[in-house]
């Protein structure tokens, strides 16, 4: 009887451990060279109207500067990336250099506010 109980307990623990998913990875989920700067916009399709000012500011910065780093959009549904960067508000824009966050802006902002912060980071 004890043997059956022991085997049942072992099988139960084995089944439970296979259902667990690992917490956020130690390695950044985005491939980036060590010296590269990347701008990331975390987007939620239900708040697209709040994101327009981010797009407008990035386009204007491209027109004013000859070097604007790569820009990528990550949807709310990409949970691993959202969790890794601890995103809880949308839109959120990050400027990441060498896996360090140089700029973090959350929620709706005016184009002028966003542009000012971007210039502080990119135009020195």
PDB file of N, CA and C in Angstrom:
ATOM      1  N   UNK A   1       0.809  -1.193   0.000  1.00  0.00           N
ATOM      2  CA  UNK A   1       0.000   0.000   0.000  1.00  0.00           C
ATOM      3  C   UNK A   1       0.859   1.267   0.000  1.00  0.00           C
ATOM      4  N   UNK A   2       1.916   1.274   0.841  1.00  0.00           N
ATOM      5  CA  UNK A   2       2.809   2.421   0.889  1.00  0.00           C
ATOM      6  C   UNK A   2       3.520   2.624  -0.438  1.00  0.00           C
ATOM      7  N   UNK A   3       3.821   1.533  -1.100  1.00  0.00           N
ATOM      8  CA  UNK A   3       4.511   1.604  -2.395  1.00  0.00           C
ATOM      9  C   UNK A   3       3.620   2.278  -3.436  1.00  0.00           C
ATOM     10  N   UNK A   4       2.340   1.931  -3.466  1.00  0.00           N
ATOM     11  CA  UNK A   4       1.399   2.527  -4.414  1.00  0.00           C
ATOM     12  C   UNK A   4       1.240   4.020  -4.109  1.00  0.00           C
ATOM     13  N   UNK A   5       1.156   4.375  -2.850  1.00  0.00           N
ATOM     14  CA  UNK A   5       1.047   5.778  -2.446  1.00  0.00           C
ATOM     15  C   UNK A   5       2.291   6.565  -2.857  1.00  0.00           C
ATOM     16  N   UNK A   6       3.450   5.967  -2.669  1.00  0.00           N
ATOM     17  CA  UNK A   6       4.712   6.617  -3.049  1.00  0.00           C
ATOM     18  C   UNK A   6       4.798   6.813  -4.560  1.00  0.00           C
ATOM     19  N   UNK A   7       4.424   5.805  -5.328  1.00  0.00           N
ATOM     20  CA  UNK A   7       4.446   5.907  -6.796  1.00  0.00           C
ATOM     21  C   UNK A   7       3.424   6.946  -7.263  1.00  0.00           C
ATOM     22  N   UNK A   8       2.237   6.943  -6.654  1.00  0.00           N
ATOM     23  CA  UNK A   8       1.212   7.927  -7.019  1.00  0.00           C
ATOM     24  C   UNK A   8       1.660   9.345  -6.728  1.00  0.00           C
ATOM     25  N   UNK A   9       2.289   9.570  -5.584  1.00  0.00           N
ATOM     26  CA  UNK A   9       2.800  10.895  -5.218  1.00  0.00           C
ATOM     27  C   UNK A   9       3.887  11.343  -6.189  1.00  0.00           C
ATOM     28  N   UNK A  10       4.786  10.437  -6.534  1.00  0.00           N
ATOM     29  CA  UNK A  10       5.858  10.759  -7.472  1.00  0.00           C
ATOM     30  C   UNK A  10       5.298  11.152  -8.838  1.00  0.00           C
ATOM     31  N   UNK A  11       4.309  10.367  -9.329  1.00  0.00           N
ATOM     32  CA  UNK A  11       3.691  10.679 -10.625  1.00  0.00           C
ATOM     33  C   UNK A  11       2.976  12.029 -10.587  1.00  0.00           C
ATOM     34  N   UNK A  12       2.306  12.317  -9.473  1.00  0.00           N
ATOM     35  CA  UNK A  12       1.605  13.582  -9.325  1.00  0.00           C
ATOM     36  C   UNK A  12       2.587  14.756  -9.360  1.00  0.00           C
ATOM     37  N   UNK A  13       3.693  14.653  -8.642  1.00  0.00           N
ATOM     38  CA  UNK A  13       4.709  15.712  -8.629  1.00  0.00           C
ATOM     39  C   UNK A  13       5.325  15.868 -10.011  1.00  0.00           C
ATOM     40  N   UNK A  14       5.578  14.762 -10.688  1.00  0.00           N
ATOM     41  CA  UNK A  14       6.145  14.813 -12.032  1.00  0.00           C
ATOM     42  C   UNK A  14       5.193  15.522 -12.994  1.00  0.00           C
ATOM     43  N   UNK A  15       3.900  15.231 -12.893  1.00  0.00           N
ATOM     44  CA  UNK A  15       2.918  15.888 -13.762  1.00  0.00           C
ATOM     45  C   UNK A  15       2.843  17.382 -13.473  1.00  0.00           C
ATOM     46  N   UNK A  16       2.849  17.757 -12.214  1.00  0.00           N
ATOM     47  CA  UNK A  16       2.769  19.175 -11.864  1.00  0.00           C
ATOM     48  C   UNK A  16       3.997  19.940 -12.335  1.00  0.00           C
ATOM     49  N   UNK A  17       5.171  19.361 -12.201  1.00  0.00           N
ATOM     50  CA  UNK A  17       6.381  20.072 -12.600  1.00  0.00           C
ATOM     51  C   UNK A  17       6.445  20.266 -14.100  1.00  0.00           C
ATOM     52  N   UNK A  18       5.828  19.397 -14.879  1.00  0.00           N
ATOM     53  CA  UNK A  18       5.845  19.561 -16.330  1.00  0.00           C
ATOM     54  C   UNK A  18       4.886  20.655 -16.781  1.00  0.00           C
ATOM     55  N   UNK A  19       3.944  21.035 -15.940  1.00  0.00           N
ATOM     56  CA  UNK A  19       2.981  22.087 -16.282  1.00  0.00           C
ATOM     57  C   UNK A  19       3.517  23.481 -16.005  1.00  0.00           C
ATOM     58  N   UNK A  20       4.585  23.576 -15.260  1.00  0.00           N
ATOM     59  CA  UNK A  20       5.127  24.882 -14.917  1.00  0.00           C
ATOM     60  C   UNK A  20       5.872  25.479 -16.097  1.00  0.00           C
ATOM     61  N   UNK A  21       5.707  26.775 -16.278  1.00  0.00           N
ATOM     62  CA  UNK A  21       6.470  27.479 -17.305  1.00  0.00           C
ATOM     63  C   UNK A  21       7.551  28.281 -16.618  1.00  0.00           C
ATOM     64  N   UNK A  22       8.693  28.451 -17.271  1.00  0.00           N
ATOM     65  CA  UNK A  22       9.756  29.219 -16.634  1.00  0.00           C
ATOM     66  C   UNK A  22       9.361  30.684 -16.527  1.00  0.00           C
ATOM     67  N   UNK A  23       9.847  31.339 -15.491  1.00  0.00           N
ATOM     68  CA  UNK A  23       9.610  32.772 -15.348  1.00  0.00           C
ATOM     69  C   UNK A  23      10.411  33.501 -16.420  1.00  0.00           C
ATOM     70  N   UNK A  24      10.357  34.807 -16.422  1.00  0.00           N
ATOM     71  CA  UNK A  24      11.010  35.562 -17.486  1.00  0.00           C
ATOM     72  C   UNK A  24      12.471  35.141 -17.628  1.00  0.00           C
ATOM     73  N   UNK A  25      12.890  35.109 -18.858  1.00  0.00           N
ATOM     74  CA  UNK A  25      14.231  34.641 -19.149  1.00  0.00           C
ATOM     75  C   UNK A  25      15.266  35.639 -18.673  1.00  0.00           C
ATOM     76  N   UNK A  26      16.443  35.132 -18.417  1.00  0.00           N
ATOM     77  CA  UNK A  26      17.537  36.000 -18.008  1.00  0.00           C
ATOM     78  C   UNK A  26      18.050  36.776 -19.215  1.00  0.00           C
ATOM     79  N   UNK A  27      18.075  36.121 -20.359  1.00  0.00           N
ATOM     80  CA  UNK A  27      18.529  36.763 -21.587  1.00  0.00           C
ATOM     81  C   UNK A  27      17.414  37.634 -22.157  1.00  0.00           C
ATOM     82  N   UNK A  28      17.759  38.805 -22.671  1.00  0.00           N
ATOM     83  CA  UNK A  28      16.740  39.667 -23.293  1.00  0.00           C
ATOM     84  C   UNK A  28      16.076  38.945 -24.464  1.00  0.00           C
ATOM     85  N   UNK A  29      14.765  39.100 -24.621  1.00  0.00           N
ATOM     86  CA  UNK A  29      14.060  38.393 -25.679  1.00  0.00           C
ATOM     87  C   UNK A  29      14.299  38.974 -27.073  1.00  0.00           C
ATOM     88  N   UNK A  30      14.903  40.148 -27.159  1.00  0.00           N
ATOM     89  CA  UNK A  30      15.180  40.769 -28.458  1.00  0.00           C
ATOM     90  C   UNK A  30      16.662  40.650 -28.775  1.00  0.00           C
ATOM     91  N   UNK A  31      16.960  40.277 -29.993  1.00  0.00           N
ATOM     92  CA  UNK A  31      18.361  40.176 -30.402  1.00  0.00           C
ATOM     93  C   UNK A  31      18.891  41.571 -30.692  1.00  0.00           C
ATOM     94  N   UNK A  32      19.988  41.900 -30.035  1.00  0.00           N
ATOM     95  CA  UNK A  32      20.558  43.236 -30.138  1.00  0.00           C
ATOM     96  C   UNK A  32      22.055  43.123 -29.926  1.00  0.00           C
ATOM     97  N   UNK A  33      22.827  43.766 -30.801  1.00  0.00           N
ATOM     98  CA  UNK A  33      24.270  43.771 -30.582  1.00  0.00           C
ATOM     99  C   UNK A  33      24.573  44.667 -29.386  1.00  0.00           C
ATOM    100  N   UNK A  34      25.711  44.463 -28.781  1.00  0.00           N
ATOM    101  CA  UNK A  34      26.013  45.127 -27.508  1.00  0.00           C
ATOM    102  C   UNK A  34      26.032  46.651 -27.602  1.00  0.00           C
ATOM    103  N   UNK A  35      26.440  47.209 -28.721  1.00  0.00           N
ATOM    104  CA  UNK A  35      26.526  48.667 -28.825  1.00  0.00           C
ATOM    105  C   UNK A  35      25.306  49.282 -29.509  1.00  0.00           C
ATOM    106  N   UNK A  36      24.381  48.458 -29.943  1.00  0.00           N
ATOM    107  CA  UNK A  36      23.229  48.938 -30.697  1.00  0.00           C
ATOM    108  C   UNK A  36      22.171  49.554 -29.782  1.00  0.00           C
ATOM    109  N   UNK A  37      21.560  50.626 -30.260  1.00  0.00           N
ATOM    110  CA  UNK A  37      20.441  51.247 -29.573  1.00  0.00           C
ATOM    111  C   UNK A  37      19.175  50.895 -30.333  1.00  0.00           C
ATOM    112  N   UNK A  38      18.119  50.564 -29.600  1.00  0.00           N
ATOM    113  CA  UNK A  38      16.873  50.150 -30.221  1.00  0.00           C
ATOM    114  C   UNK A  38      15.715  50.859 -29.530  1.00  0.00           C
ATOM    115  N   UNK A  39      14.753  51.313 -30.317  1.00  0.00           N
ATOM    116  CA  UNK A  39      13.539  51.914 -29.785  1.00  0.00           C
ATOM    117  C   UNK A  39      12.422  50.900 -29.911  1.00  0.00           C
ATOM    118  N   UNK A  40      11.722  50.653 -28.806  1.00  0.00           N
ATOM    119  CA  UNK A  40      10.663  49.648 -28.774  1.00  0.00           C
ATOM    120  C   UNK A  40       9.373  50.323 -28.333  1.00  0.00           C
ATOM    121  N   UNK A  41       8.312  50.107 -29.091  1.00  0.00           N
ATOM    122  CA  UNK A  41       6.993  50.602 -28.704  1.00  0.00           C
ATOM    123  C   UNK A  41       6.111  49.402 -28.412  1.00  0.00           C
ATOM    124  N   UNK A  42       5.631  49.324 -27.178  1.00  0.00           N
ATOM    125  CA  UNK A  42       4.710  48.270 -26.784  1.00  0.00           C
ATOM    126  C   UNK A  42       3.304  48.768 -27.053  1.00  0.00           C
ATOM    127  N   UNK A  43       2.584  48.010 -27.878  1.00  0.00           N
ATOM    128  CA  UNK A  43       1.321  48.461 -28.426  1.00  0.00           C
ATOM    129  C   UNK A  43       0.161  47.572 -27.988  1.00  0.00           C
ATOM    130  N   UNK A  44      -0.989  48.214 -27.826  1.00  0.00           N
ATOM    131  CA  UNK A  44      -2.235  47.502 -27.571  1.00  0.00           C
ATOM    132  C   UNK A  44      -3.225  48.010 -28.610  1.00  0.00           C
ATOM    133  N   UNK A  45      -3.779  47.106 -29.390  1.00  0.00           N
ATOM    134  CA  UNK A  45      -4.655  47.524 -30.486  1.00  0.00           C
ATOM    135  C   UNK A  45      -5.869  48.308 -29.991  1.00  0.00           C
ATOM    136  N   UNK A  46      -6.229  48.175 -28.726  1.00  0.00           N
ATOM    137  CA  UNK A  46      -7.371  48.931 -28.218  1.00  0.00           C
ATOM    138  C   UNK A  46      -7.007  50.368 -27.839  1.00  0.00           C
ATOM    139  N   UNK A  47      -5.703  50.706 -27.860  1.00  0.00           N
ATOM    140  CA  UNK A  47      -5.293  52.072 -27.512  1.00  0.00           C
ATOM    141  C   UNK A  47      -4.499  52.725 -28.644  1.00  0.00           C
ATOM    142  N   UNK A  48      -4.827  52.377 -29.871  1.00  0.00           N
ATOM    143  CA  UNK A  48      -4.092  52.893 -31.028  1.00  0.00           C
ATOM    144  C   UNK A  48      -4.113  54.420 -31.096  1.00  0.00           C
ATOM    145  N   UNK A  49      -5.196  55.054 -30.696  1.00  0.00           N
ATOM    146  CA  UNK A  49      -5.284  56.510 -30.761  1.00  0.00           C
ATOM    147  C   UNK A  49      -4.232  57.167 -29.875  1.00  0.00           C
ATOM    148  N   UNK A  50      -3.832  56.502 -28.782  1.00  0.00           N
ATOM    149  CA  UNK A  50      -2.806  57.050 -27.890  1.00  0.00           C
ATOM    150  C   UNK A  50      -1.404  56.888 -28.460  1.00  0.00           C
ATOM    151  N   UNK A  51      -1.249  56.029 -29.452  1.00  0.00           N
ATOM    152  CA  UNK A  51       0.061  55.751 -30.021  1.00  0.00           C
ATOM    153  C   UNK A  51       0.437  56.692 -31.161  1.00  0.00           C
ATOM    154  N   UNK A  52      -0.508  57.388 -31.708  1.00  0.00           N
ATOM    155  CA  UNK A  52      -0.231  58.262 -32.854  1.00  0.00           C
ATOM    156  C   UNK A  52       0.862  59.277 -32.563  1.00  0.00           C
ATOM    157  N   UNK A  53       0.856  59.854 -31.374  1.00  0.00           N
ATOM    158  CA  UNK A  53       1.865  60.866 -31.051  1.00  0.00           C
ATOM    159  C   UNK A  53       3.265  60.249 -30.999  1.00  0.00           C
ATOM    160  N   UNK A  54       3.381  58.974 -30.610  1.00  0.00           N
ATOM    161  CA  UNK A  54       4.678  58.297 -30.609  1.00  0.00           C
ATOM    162  C   UNK A  54       5.196  58.144 -32.044  1.00  0.00           C
ATOM    163  N   UNK A  55       4.321  57.702 -32.942  1.00  0.00           N
ATOM    164  CA  UNK A  55       4.714  57.552 -34.346  1.00  0.00           C
ATOM    165  C   UNK A  55       5.108  58.892 -34.953  1.00  0.00           C
ATOM    166  N   UNK A  56       4.300  59.921 -34.687  1.00  0.00           N
ATOM    167  CA  UNK A  56       4.584  61.251 -35.230  1.00  0.00           C
ATOM    168  C   UNK A  56       5.934  61.770 -34.731  1.00  0.00           C
ATOM    169  N   UNK A  57       6.218  61.585 -33.444  1.00  0.00           N
ATOM    170  CA  UNK A  57       7.487  62.060 -32.879  1.00  0.00           C
ATOM    171  C   UNK A  57       8.670  61.318 -33.492  1.00  0.00           C
ATOM    172  N   UNK A  58       8.535  60.026 -33.687  1.00  0.00           N
ATOM    173  CA  UNK A  58       9.627  59.251 -34.293  1.00  0.00           C
ATOM    174  C   UNK A  58       9.862  59.660 -35.748  1.00  0.00           C
ATOM    175  N   UNK A  59       8.797  59.902 -36.483  1.00  0.00           N
ATOM    176  CA  UNK A  59       8.947  60.350 -37.873  1.00  0.00           C
ATOM    177  C   UNK A  59       9.618  61.721 -37.941  1.00  0.00           C
ATOM    178  N   UNK A  60       9.224  62.614 -37.060  1.00  0.00           N
ATOM    179  CA  UNK A  60       9.837  63.942 -37.047  1.00  0.00           C
ATOM    180  C   UNK A  60      11.312  63.864 -36.657  1.00  0.00           C
ATOM    181  N   UNK A  61      11.631  63.006 -35.711  1.00  0.00           N
ATOM    182  CA  UNK A  61      13.030  62.830 -35.319  1.00  0.00           C
ATOM    183  C   UNK A  61      13.853  62.296 -36.484  1.00  0.00           C
ATOM    184  N   UNK A  62      13.286  61.392 -37.258  1.00  0.00           N
ATOM    185  CA  UNK A  62      13.985  60.871 -38.441  1.00  0.00           C
ATOM    186  C   UNK A  62      14.269  61.990 -39.440  1.00  0.00           C
ATOM    187  N   UNK A  63      13.354  62.910 -39.578  1.00  0.00           N
ATOM    188  CA  UNK A  63      13.550  64.014 -40.507  1.00  0.00           C
ATOM    189  C   UNK A  63      14.595  64.997 -40.009  1.00  0.00           C
ATOM    190  N   UNK A  64      14.722  65.148 -38.698  1.00  0.00           N
ATOM    191  CA  UNK A  64      15.654  66.113 -38.117  1.00  0.00           C
ATOM    192  C   UNK A  64      17.050  65.544 -37.914  1.00  0.00           C
ATOM    193  N   UNK A  65      17.167  64.248 -37.816  1.00  0.00           N
ATOM    194  CA  UNK A  65      18.450  63.628 -37.512  1.00  0.00           C
ATOM    195  C   UNK A  65      18.790  62.613 -38.592  1.00  0.00           C
ATOM    196  N   UNK A  66      20.072  62.502 -38.882  1.00  0.00           N
ATOM    197  CA  UNK A  66      20.472  61.535 -39.907  1.00  0.00           C
ATOM    198  C   UNK A  66      20.656  60.136 -39.332  1.00  0.00           C
ATOM    199  N   UNK A  67      20.596  59.988 -38.019  1.00  0.00           N
ATOM    200  CA  UNK A  67      20.715  58.661 -37.424  1.00  0.00           C
ATOM    201  C   UNK A  67      19.653  58.452 -36.354  1.00  0.00           C
ATOM    202  N   UNK A  68      18.698  57.603 -36.672  1.00  0.00           N
ATOM    203  CA  UNK A  68      17.697  57.186 -35.698  1.00  0.00           C
ATOM    204  C   UNK A  68      17.766  55.661 -35.654  1.00  0.00           C
ATOM    205  N   UNK A  69      17.957  55.099 -34.483  1.00  0.00           N
ATOM    206  CA  UNK A  69      18.116  53.657 -34.371  1.00  0.00           C
ATOM    207  C   UNK A  69      16.869  52.885 -34.793  1.00  0.00           C
ATOM    208  N   UNK A  70      17.013  51.590 -34.940  1.00  0.00           N
ATOM    209  CA  UNK A  70      15.868  50.763 -35.340  1.00  0.00           C
ATOM    210  C   UNK A  70      14.692  50.934 -34.377  1.00  0.00           C
ATOM    211  N   UNK A  71      13.518  50.828 -34.937  1.00  0.00           N
ATOM    212  CA  UNK A  71      12.288  50.991 -34.183  1.00  0.00           C
ATOM    213  C   UNK A  71      11.430  49.751 -34.403  1.00  0.00           C
ATOM    214  N   UNK A  72      11.019  49.102 -33.334  1.00  0.00           N
ATOM    215  CA  UNK A  72      10.157  47.933 -33.483  1.00  0.00           C
ATOM    216  C   UNK A  72       8.911  48.098 -32.624  1.00  0.00           C
ATOM    217  N   UNK A  73       7.858  47.422 -33.051  1.00  0.00           N
ATOM    218  CA  UNK A  73       6.591  47.450 -32.330  1.00  0.00           C
ATOM    219  C   UNK A  73       6.332  46.049 -31.790  1.00  0.00           C
ATOM    220  N   UNK A  74       5.991  45.985 -30.520  1.00  0.00           N
ATOM    221  CA  UNK A  74       5.678  44.712 -29.883  1.00  0.00           C
ATOM    222  C   UNK A  74       4.241  44.778 -29.388  1.00  0.00           C
ATOM    223  N   UNK A  75       3.463  43.816 -29.815  1.00  0.00           N
ATOM    224  CA  UNK A  75       2.054  43.752 -29.422  1.00  0.00           C
ATOM    225  C   UNK A  75       1.894  43.246 -27.995  1.00  0.00           C
ATOM    226  N   UNK A  76       0.824  43.640 -27.375  1.00  0.00           N
ATOM    227  CA  UNK A  76       0.491  43.225 -26.015  1.00  0.00           C
ATOM    228  C   UNK A  76       0.440  41.701 -25.890  1.00  0.00           C
ATOM    229  N   UNK A  77       0.129  41.030 -26.974  1.00  0.00           N
ATOM    230  CA  UNK A  77      -0.010  39.575 -26.957  1.00  0.00           C
ATOM    231  C   UNK A  77       1.333  38.840 -26.878  1.00  0.00           C
ATOM    232  N   UNK A  78       2.442  39.535 -27.094  1.00  0.00           N
ATOM    233  CA  UNK A  78       3.767  38.907 -27.006  1.00  0.00           C
ATOM    234  C   UNK A  78       4.194  38.915 -25.539  1.00  0.00           C
ATOM    235  N   UNK A  79       3.620  38.012 -24.781  1.00  0.00           N
ATOM    236  CA  UNK A  79       3.704  38.025 -23.317  1.00  0.00           C
ATOM    237  C   UNK A  79       5.117  37.910 -22.767  1.00  0.00           C
ATOM    238  N   UNK A  80       5.965  37.116 -23.404  1.00  0.00           N
ATOM    239  CA  UNK A  80       7.331  36.948 -22.887  1.00  0.00           C
ATOM    240  C   UNK A  80       8.078  38.282 -22.888  1.00  0.00           C
ATOM    241  N   UNK A  81       7.950  39.032 -23.981  1.00  0.00           N
ATOM    242  CA  UNK A  81       8.629  40.324 -24.089  1.00  0.00           C
ATOM    243  C   UNK A  81       7.995  41.351 -23.152  1.00  0.00           C
ATOM    244  N   UNK A  82       6.681  41.349 -23.074  1.00  0.00           N
ATOM    245  CA  UNK A  82       5.969  42.275 -22.179  1.00  0.00           C
ATOM    246  C   UNK A  82       6.382  42.024 -20.735  1.00  0.00           C
ATOM    247  N   UNK A  83       6.465  40.763 -20.360  1.00  0.00           N
ATOM    248  CA  UNK A  83       6.845  40.414 -18.988  1.00  0.00           C
ATOM    249  C   UNK A  83       8.308  40.768 -18.718  1.00  0.00           C
ATOM    250  N   UNK A  84       9.191  40.489 -19.676  1.00  0.00           N
ATOM    251  CA  UNK A  84      10.614  40.764 -19.479  1.00  0.00           C
ATOM    252  C   UNK A  84      10.853  42.246 -19.199  1.00  0.00           C
ATOM    253  N   UNK A  85      10.177  43.123 -19.954  1.00  0.00           N
ATOM    254  CA  UNK A  85      10.374  44.566 -19.794  1.00  0.00           C
ATOM    255  C   UNK A  85       9.407  45.189 -18.782  1.00  0.00           C
ATOM    256  N   UNK A  86       8.618  44.365 -18.101  1.00  0.00           N
ATOM    257  CA  UNK A  86       7.723  44.814 -17.047  1.00  0.00           C
ATOM    258  C   UNK A  86       6.753  45.896 -17.550  1.00  0.00           C
ATOM    259  N   UNK A  87       6.043  45.594 -18.614  1.00  0.00           N
ATOM    260  CA  UNK A  87       5.111  46.542 -19.229  1.00  0.00           C
ATOM    261  C   UNK A  87       3.724  46.336 -18.621  1.00  0.00           C
ATOM    262  N   UNK A  88       3.152  47.411 -18.094  1.00  0.00           N
ATOM    263  CA  UNK A  88       1.804  47.326 -17.532  1.00  0.00           C
ATOM    264  C   UNK A  88       0.876  48.403 -18.100  1.00  0.00           C
ATOM    265  N   UNK A  89       1.430  49.416 -18.773  1.00  0.00           N
ATOM    266  CA  UNK A  89       0.633  50.484 -19.384  1.00  0.00           C
ATOM    267  C   UNK A  89       0.934  50.516 -20.883  1.00  0.00           C
ATOM    268  N   UNK A  90      -0.093  50.869 -21.639  1.00  0.00           N
ATOM    269  CA  UNK A  90       0.075  50.966 -23.094  1.00  0.00           C
ATOM    270  C   UNK A  90      -0.389  52.332 -23.548  1.00  0.00           C
ATOM    271  N   UNK A  91       0.276  52.925 -24.490  1.00  0.00           N
ATOM    272  CA  UNK A  91       1.546  52.488 -25.063  1.00  0.00           C
ATOM    273  C   UNK A  91       2.700  52.751 -24.098  1.00  0.00           C
ATOM    274  N   UNK A  92       3.766  51.998 -24.266  1.00  0.00           N
ATOM    275  CA  UNK A  92       5.018  52.235 -23.549  1.00  0.00           C
ATOM    276  C   UNK A  92       6.139  52.210 -24.574  1.00  0.00           C
ATOM    277  N   UNK A  93       6.993  53.220 -24.502  1.00  0.00           N
ATOM    278  CA  UNK A  93       8.144  53.276 -25.399  1.00  0.00           C
ATOM    279  C   UNK A  93       9.414  53.158 -24.568  1.00  0.00           C
ATOM    280  N   UNK A  94      10.306  52.286 -25.031  1.00  0.00           N
ATOM    281  CA  UNK A  94      11.611  52.125 -24.402  1.00  0.00           C
ATOM    282  C   UNK A  94      12.689  52.407 -25.422  1.00  0.00           C
ATOM    283  N   UNK A  95      13.757  53.049 -24.977  1.00  0.00           N
ATOM    284  CA  UNK A  95      14.972  53.161 -25.773  1.00  0.00           C
ATOM    285  C   UNK A  95      16.004  52.342 -25.020  1.00  0.00           C
ATOM    286  N   UNK A  96      16.476  51.280 -25.660  1.00  0.00           N
ATOM    287  CA  UNK A  96      17.367  50.327 -25.011  1.00  0.00           C
ATOM    288  C   UNK A  96      18.731  50.378 -25.682  1.00  0.00           C
ATOM    289  N   UNK A  97      19.775  50.582 -24.869  1.00  0.00           N
ATOM    290  CA  UNK A  97      21.155  50.577 -25.341  1.00  0.00           C
ATOM    291  C   UNK A  97      21.931  49.584 -24.494  1.00  0.00           C
ATOM    292  N   UNK A  98      22.550  48.643 -25.161  1.00  0.00           N
ATOM    293  CA  UNK A  98      23.366  47.646 -24.456  1.00  0.00           C
ATOM    294  C   UNK A  98      22.572  46.997 -23.319  1.00  0.00           C
ATOM    295  N   UNK A  99      21.308  46.656 -23.617  1.00  0.00           N
ATOM    296  CA  UNK A  99      20.387  46.024 -22.669  1.00  0.00           C
ATOM    297  C   UNK A  99      20.057  46.874 -21.447  1.00  0.00           C
ATOM    298  N   UNK A 100      20.395  48.154 -21.482  1.00  0.00           N
ATOM    299  CA  UNK A 100      20.009  49.098 -20.430  1.00  0.00           C
ATOM    300  C   UNK A 100      18.939  50.028 -20.988  1.00  0.00           C
ATOM    301  N   UNK A 101      17.960  50.358 -20.171  1.00  0.00           N
ATOM    302  CA  UNK A 101      16.881  51.236 -20.624  1.00  0.00           C
ATOM    303  C   UNK A 101      17.315  52.683 -20.428  1.00  0.00           C
ATOM    304  N   UNK A 102      17.511  53.386 -21.556  1.00  0.00           N
ATOM    305  CA  UNK A 102      17.925  54.784 -21.529  1.00  0.00           C
ATOM    306  C   UNK A 102      16.724  55.718 -21.402  1.00  0.00           C
ATOM    307  N   UNK A 103      15.562  55.265 -21.858  1.00  0.00           N
ATOM    308  CA  UNK A 103      14.349  56.082 -21.801  1.00  0.00           C
ATOM    309  C   UNK A 103      13.151  55.151 -21.678  1.00  0.00           C
ATOM    310  N   UNK A 104      12.232  55.521 -20.798  1.00  0.00           N
ATOM    311  CA  UNK A 104      10.972  54.783 -20.641  1.00  0.00           C
ATOM    312  C   UNK A 104       9.851  55.806 -20.543  1.00  0.00           C
ATOM    313  N   UNK A 105       8.898  55.733 -21.472  1.00  0.00           N
ATOM    314  CA  UNK A 105       7.724  56.606 -21.457  1.00  0.00           C
ATOM    315  C   UNK A 105       6.484  55.734 -21.507  1.00  0.00           C
ATOM    316  N   UNK A 106       5.581  55.948 -20.570  1.00  0.00           N
ATOM    317  CA  UNK A 106       4.380  55.134 -20.481  1.00  0.00           C
ATOM    318  C   UNK A 106       3.137  55.983 -20.651  1.00  0.00           C
ATOM    319  N   UNK A 107       2.159  55.423 -21.335  1.00  0.00           N
ATOM    320  CA  UNK A 107       0.870  56.082 -21.485  1.00  0.00           C
ATOM    321  C   UNK A 107       0.884  57.170 -22.540  1.00  0.00           C
ATOM    322  N   UNK A 108      -0.239  57.863 -22.665  1.00  0.00           N
ATOM    323  CA  UNK A 108      -0.336  58.908 -23.682  1.00  0.00           C
ATOM    324  C   UNK A 108       0.491  60.144 -23.322  1.00  0.00           C
ATOM    325  N   UNK A 109       1.188  60.685 -24.323  1.00  0.00           N
ATOM    326  CA  UNK A 109       1.956  61.935 -24.200  1.00  0.00           C
ATOM    327  C   UNK A 109       1.780  62.711 -25.494  1.00  0.00           C
ATOM    328  N   UNK A 110       2.066  63.983 -25.440  1.00  0.00           N
ATOM    329  CA  UNK A 110       2.002  64.776 -26.666  1.00  0.00           C
ATOM    330  C   UNK A 110       3.233  64.477 -27.514  1.00  0.00           C
ATOM    331  N   UNK A 111       3.111  64.768 -28.779  1.00  0.00           N
ATOM    332  CA  UNK A 111       4.238  64.568 -29.702  1.00  0.00           C
ATOM    333  C   UNK A 111       5.436  65.390 -29.247  1.00  0.00           C
ATOM    334  N   UNK A 112       5.198  66.593 -28.769  1.00  0.00           N
ATOM    335  CA  UNK A 112       6.283  67.468 -28.342  1.00  0.00           C
ATOM    336  C   UNK A 112       7.032  66.898 -27.136  1.00  0.00           C
ATOM    337  N   UNK A 113       6.291  66.356 -26.178  1.00  0.00           N
ATOM    338  CA  UNK A 113       6.935  65.737 -25.014  1.00  0.00           C
ATOM    339  C   UNK A 113       7.816  64.557 -25.433  1.00  0.00           C
ATOM    340  N   UNK A 114       7.263  63.713 -26.268  1.00  0.00           N
ATOM    341  CA  UNK A 114       8.000  62.526 -26.721  1.00  0.00           C
ATOM    342  C   UNK A 114       9.235  62.941 -27.502  1.00  0.00           C
ATOM    343  N   UNK A 115       9.063  63.888 -28.414  1.00  0.00           N
ATOM    344  CA  UNK A 115      10.179  64.359 -29.233  1.00  0.00           C
ATOM    345  C   UNK A 115      11.281  64.959 -28.373  1.00  0.00           C
ATOM    346  N   UNK A 116      10.902  65.710 -27.368  1.00  0.00           N
ATOM    347  CA  UNK A 116      11.891  66.310 -26.472  1.00  0.00           C
ATOM    348  C   UNK A 116      12.719  65.238 -25.768  1.00  0.00           C
ATOM    349  N   UNK A 117      12.062  64.214 -25.249  1.00  0.00           N
ATOM    350  CA  UNK A 117      12.786  63.128 -24.558  1.00  0.00           C
ATOM    351  C   UNK A 117      13.668  62.339 -25.527  1.00  0.00           C
ATOM    352  N   UNK A 118      13.150  62.109 -26.737  1.00  0.00           N
ATOM    353  CA  UNK A 118      13.945  61.383 -27.736  1.00  0.00           C
ATOM    354  C   UNK A 118      15.190  62.177 -28.142  1.00  0.00           C
ATOM    355  N   UNK A 119      15.030  63.477 -28.297  1.00  0.00           N
ATOM    356  CA  UNK A 119      16.176  64.315 -28.648  1.00  0.00           C
ATOM    357  C   UNK A 119      17.232  64.282 -27.540  1.00  0.00           C
ATOM    358  N   UNK A 120      16.782  64.268 -26.279  1.00  0.00           N
ATOM    359  CA  UNK A 120      17.728  64.186 -25.164  1.00  0.00           C
ATOM    360  C   UNK A 120      18.569  62.911 -25.250  1.00  0.00           C
ATOM    361  N   UNK A 121      17.978  61.836 -25.742  1.00  0.00           N
ATOM    362  CA  UNK A 121      18.684  60.568 -25.826  1.00  0.00           C
ATOM    363  C   UNK A 121      19.539  60.472 -27.093  1.00  0.00           C
ATOM    364  N   UNK A 122      18.983  60.890 -28.235  1.00  0.00           N
ATOM    365  CA  UNK A 122      19.644  60.661 -29.517  1.00  0.00           C
ATOM    366  C   UNK A 122      20.492  61.810 -30.040  1.00  0.00           C
ATOM    367  N   UNK A 123      20.122  63.032 -29.736  1.00  0.00           N
ATOM    368  CA  UNK A 123      20.853  64.184 -30.265  1.00  0.00           C
ATOM    369  C   UNK A 123      21.572  64.838 -29.098  1.00  0.00           C
ATOM    370  N   UNK A 124      22.856  64.650 -29.071  1.00  0.00           N
ATOM    371  CA  UNK A 124      23.637  65.155 -27.936  1.00  0.00           C
ATOM    372  C   UNK A 124      24.540  66.275 -28.342  1.00  0.00           C
TER     373      UNK A 124
END
